[in-house]
Amino acid sequence: MARIILMEDDDIFRETIMRVLTEAGHSVKAAANGFDGVALYRAESADLILTDIVMPHGGLPTIRVLRSEFPKLAIIAMSGSHVRLDMAGGLGVNRMLAKPFTSQQLLDAITEVLAAQS
């Protein structure tokens, strides 16, 4: 399956997503903010980035940095704010997920994005 870096500042939500992804067979590394997430990706590349938008060292600047350095990187943005998701879409994310979402919606989005990358 895929190597995924998850950037999410909410500890419980991050742990829940990590469990869902691991149980689905993915390898997951996590960071609680965008700064650490970008550093993690630079150190250990991944097939996909799953990032929250509203977090320390925010998701939008994180997406900008990742897009400028790694233009073909698969990125899924998550947020409870449709306005912020629209902004992420303008930065070229591959998919947007509005919170709350189900485990199946998350897994489907990952499958869709990774299939499009092949």
C-alpha atoms as a PDB file:
ATOM      1  CA  MET A   1       0.000   0.000   0.000  1.00  0.00           C
ATOM      2  CA  ALA A   2       1.000   3.647   0.246  1.00  0.00           C
ATOM      3  CA  ARG A   3       3.451   5.588   2.382  1.00  0.00           C
ATOM      4  CA  ILE A   4       1.491   8.515   3.820  1.00  0.00           C
ATOM      5  CA  ILE A   5       2.516  11.540   5.858  1.00  0.00           C
ATOM      6  CA  LEU A   6      -0.329  12.886   7.959  1.00  0.00           C
ATOM      7  CA  MET A   7      -0.238  16.469   9.242  1.00  0.00           C
ATOM      8  CA  GLU A   8      -2.902  17.094  11.894  1.00  0.00           C
ATOM      9  CA  ASP A   9      -2.712  19.059  15.137  1.00  0.00           C
ATOM     10  CA  ASP A  10      -5.672  17.422  16.913  1.00  0.00           C
ATOM     11  CA  ASP A  11      -4.135  14.491  18.795  1.00  0.00           C
ATOM     12  CA  ILE A  12      -7.273  12.346  18.933  1.00  0.00           C
ATOM     13  CA  PHE A  13      -8.171  12.939  15.289  1.00  0.00           C
ATOM     14  CA  ARG A  14      -4.566  12.278  14.216  1.00  0.00           C
ATOM     15  CA  GLU A  15      -4.450   8.989  16.145  1.00  0.00           C
ATOM     16  CA  THR A  16      -7.822   7.937  14.733  1.00  0.00           C
ATOM     17  CA  ILE A  17      -6.761   8.616  11.144  1.00  0.00           C
ATOM     18  CA  MET A  18      -3.454   6.843  11.713  1.00  0.00           C
ATOM     19  CA  ARG A  19      -5.301   3.770  13.009  1.00  0.00           C
ATOM     20  CA  VAL A  20      -7.717   3.752  10.037  1.00  0.00           C
ATOM     21  CA  LEU A  21      -4.880   4.062   7.538  1.00  0.00           C
ATOM     22  CA  THR A  22      -2.671   1.483   9.244  1.00  0.00           C
ATOM     23  CA  GLU A  23      -5.533  -1.013   9.430  1.00  0.00           C
ATOM     24  CA  ALA A  24      -6.051  -0.462   5.687  1.00  0.00           C
ATOM     25  CA  GLY A  25      -2.425  -1.471   5.106  1.00  0.00           C
ATOM     26  CA  HIS A  26      -0.812   1.935   4.664  1.00  0.00           C
ATOM     27  CA  SER A  27       2.454   3.007   6.273  1.00  0.00           C
ATOM     28  CA  VAL A  28       1.835   6.270   8.134  1.00  0.00           C
ATOM     29  CA  LYS A  29       4.125   8.871   9.672  1.00  0.00           C
ATOM     30  CA  ALA A  30       2.572  11.868  11.417  1.00  0.00           C
ATOM     31  CA  ALA A  31       3.355  15.436  12.373  1.00  0.00           C
ATOM     32  CA  ALA A  32       1.343  17.833  14.526  1.00  0.00           C
ATOM     33  CA  ASN A  33       2.049  20.882  12.344  1.00  0.00           C
ATOM     34  CA  GLY A  34       3.042  21.883   8.849  1.00  0.00           C
ATOM     35  CA  PHE A  35       6.639  22.780   9.663  1.00  0.00           C
ATOM     36  CA  ASP A  36       7.375  19.338  11.116  1.00  0.00           C
ATOM     37  CA  GLY A  37       5.391  17.666   8.337  1.00  0.00           C
ATOM     38  CA  VAL A  38       7.459  19.297   5.599  1.00  0.00           C
ATOM     39  CA  ALA A  39      10.670  18.363   7.420  1.00  0.00           C
ATOM     40  CA  LEU A  40       9.408  14.785   7.725  1.00  0.00           C
ATOM     41  CA  TYR A  41       8.652  14.625   4.003  1.00  0.00           C
ATOM     42  CA  ARG A  42      12.070  16.004   3.129  1.00  0.00           C
ATOM     43  CA  ALA A  43      13.683  13.325   5.331  1.00  0.00           C
ATOM     44  CA  GLU A  44      11.428  10.432   4.322  1.00  0.00           C
ATOM     45  CA  SER A  45       9.516  10.847   1.091  1.00  0.00           C
ATOM     46  CA  ALA A  46       5.996   9.482   0.868  1.00  0.00           C
ATOM     47  CA  ASP A  47       3.438   8.656  -1.792  1.00  0.00           C
ATOM     48  CA  LEU A  48       0.872  11.069  -0.398  1.00  0.00           C
ATOM     49  CA  ILE A  49       0.454  13.949   2.032  1.00  0.00           C
ATOM     50  CA  LEU A  50      -2.751  14.200   4.038  1.00  0.00           C
ATOM     51  CA  THR A  51      -2.848  17.636   5.663  1.00  0.00           C
ATOM     52  CA  ASP A  52      -5.184  19.611   7.826  1.00  0.00           C
ATOM     53  CA  ILE A  53      -5.587  23.249   6.821  1.00  0.00           C
ATOM     54  CA  VAL A  54      -6.123  24.881  10.225  1.00  0.00           C
ATOM     55  CA  MET A  55      -3.118  23.955  12.384  1.00  0.00           C
ATOM     56  CA  PRO A  56       0.117  25.496  13.653  1.00  0.00           C
ATOM     57  CA  HIS A  57       2.384  26.411  10.745  1.00  0.00           C
ATOM     58  CA  GLY A  58      -0.841  26.197   8.735  1.00  0.00           C
ATOM     59  CA  GLY A  59      -1.861  23.908   5.967  1.00  0.00           C
ATOM     60  CA  LEU A  60      -2.022  26.548   3.242  1.00  0.00           C
ATOM     61  CA  PRO A  61       1.608  27.680   3.646  1.00  0.00           C
ATOM     62  CA  THR A  62       2.580  24.005   3.947  1.00  0.00           C
ATOM     63  CA  ILE A  63       0.861  23.212   0.655  1.00  0.00           C
ATOM     64  CA  ARG A  64       2.597  26.166  -1.011  1.00  0.00           C
ATOM     65  CA  VAL A  65       6.014  24.944   0.133  1.00  0.00           C
ATOM     66  CA  LEU A  66       5.344  21.343  -0.894  1.00  0.00           C
ATOM     67  CA  ARG A  67       3.945  22.364  -4.299  1.00  0.00           C
ATOM     68  CA  SER A  68       6.947  24.597  -5.019  1.00  0.00           C
ATOM     69  CA  GLU A  69       9.506  21.933  -4.044  1.00  0.00           C
ATOM     70  CA  PHE A  70       7.626  18.796  -5.123  1.00  0.00           C
ATOM     71  CA  PRO A  71       5.105  19.758  -7.828  1.00  0.00           C
ATOM     72  CA  LYS A  72       3.973  16.195  -8.552  1.00  0.00           C
ATOM     73  CA  LEU A  73       3.437  15.189  -4.910  1.00  0.00           C
ATOM     74  CA  ALA A  74      -0.070  13.884  -4.168  1.00  0.00           C
ATOM     75  CA  ILE A  75      -1.762  16.066  -1.538  1.00  0.00           C
ATOM     76  CA  ILE A  76      -5.160  15.721   0.112  1.00  0.00           C
ATOM     77  CA  ALA A  77      -6.324  18.707   2.180  1.00  0.00           C
ATOM     78  CA  MET A  78      -8.786  18.371   5.080  1.00  0.00           C
ATOM     79  CA  SER A  79     -10.775  21.084   6.807  1.00  0.00           C
ATOM     80  CA  GLY A  80     -14.110  21.915   8.356  1.00  0.00           C
ATOM     81  CA  SER A  81     -13.987  25.233   6.492  1.00  0.00           C
ATOM     82  CA  HIS A  82     -15.204  25.165   2.904  1.00  0.00           C
ATOM     83  CA  VAL A  83     -13.577  28.544   2.277  1.00  0.00           C
ATOM     84  CA  ARG A  84     -10.188  27.194   3.305  1.00  0.00           C
ATOM     85  CA  LEU A  85     -10.714  24.050   1.237  1.00  0.00           C
ATOM     86  CA  ASP A  86     -11.434  26.242  -1.774  1.00  0.00           C
ATOM     87  CA  MET A  87      -8.180  28.090  -1.096  1.00  0.00           C
ATOM     88  CA  ALA A  88      -6.336  24.754  -0.913  1.00  0.00           C
ATOM     89  CA  GLY A  89      -7.921  23.770  -4.211  1.00  0.00           C
ATOM     90  CA  GLY A  90      -6.519  26.945  -5.717  1.00  0.00           C
ATOM     91  CA  LEU A  91      -3.059  25.829  -4.604  1.00  0.00           C
ATOM     92  CA  GLY A  92      -3.389  22.625  -6.592  1.00  0.00           C
ATOM     93  CA  VAL A  93      -4.177  19.917  -4.054  1.00  0.00           C
ATOM     94  CA  ASN A  94      -5.296  16.677  -5.627  1.00  0.00           C
ATOM     95  CA  ARG A  95      -8.363  16.266  -3.445  1.00  0.00           C
ATOM     96  CA  MET A  96     -10.209  18.046  -0.659  1.00  0.00           C
ATOM     97  CA  LEU A  97     -12.048  16.413   2.221  1.00  0.00           C
ATOM     98  CA  ALA A  98     -14.574  18.371   4.260  1.00  0.00           C
ATOM     99  CA  LYS A  99     -14.589  17.457   7.942  1.00  0.00           C
ATOM    100  CA  PRO A 100     -16.283  15.485   9.265  1.00  0.00           C
ATOM    101  CA  PHE A 101     -15.795  12.592   6.881  1.00  0.00           C
ATOM    102  CA  THR A 102     -16.091   8.843   7.247  1.00  0.00           C
ATOM    103  CA  SER A 103     -13.248   6.366   7.233  1.00  0.00           C
ATOM    104  CA  GLN A 104     -14.540   5.041   3.924  1.00  0.00           C
ATOM    105  CA  GLN A 105     -14.581   8.526   2.367  1.00  0.00           C
ATOM    106  CA  LEU A 106     -10.966   8.980   3.470  1.00  0.00           C
ATOM    107  CA  LEU A 107      -9.870   5.626   2.072  1.00  0.00           C
ATOM    108  CA  ASP A 108     -11.754   6.236  -1.184  1.00  0.00           C
ATOM    109  CA  ALA A 109     -10.080   9.648  -1.595  1.00  0.00           C
ATOM    110  CA  ILE A 110      -6.641   8.128  -1.048  1.00  0.00           C
ATOM    111  CA  THR A 111      -7.326   5.326  -3.535  1.00  0.00           C
ATOM    112  CA  GLU A 112      -8.594   7.835  -6.107  1.00  0.00           C
ATOM    113  CA  VAL A 113      -5.621  10.188  -5.754  1.00  0.00           C
ATOM    114  CA  LEU A 114      -3.035   7.413  -5.850  1.00  0.00           C
ATOM    115  CA  ALA A 115      -4.681   5.804  -8.895  1.00  0.00           C
ATOM    116  CA  ALA A 116      -4.554   9.134 -10.718  1.00  0.00           C
ATOM    117  CA  GLN A 117      -0.821   9.401  -9.915  1.00  0.00           C
ATOM    118  CA  SER A 118      -0.039   6.062 -11.609  1.00  0.00           C
END
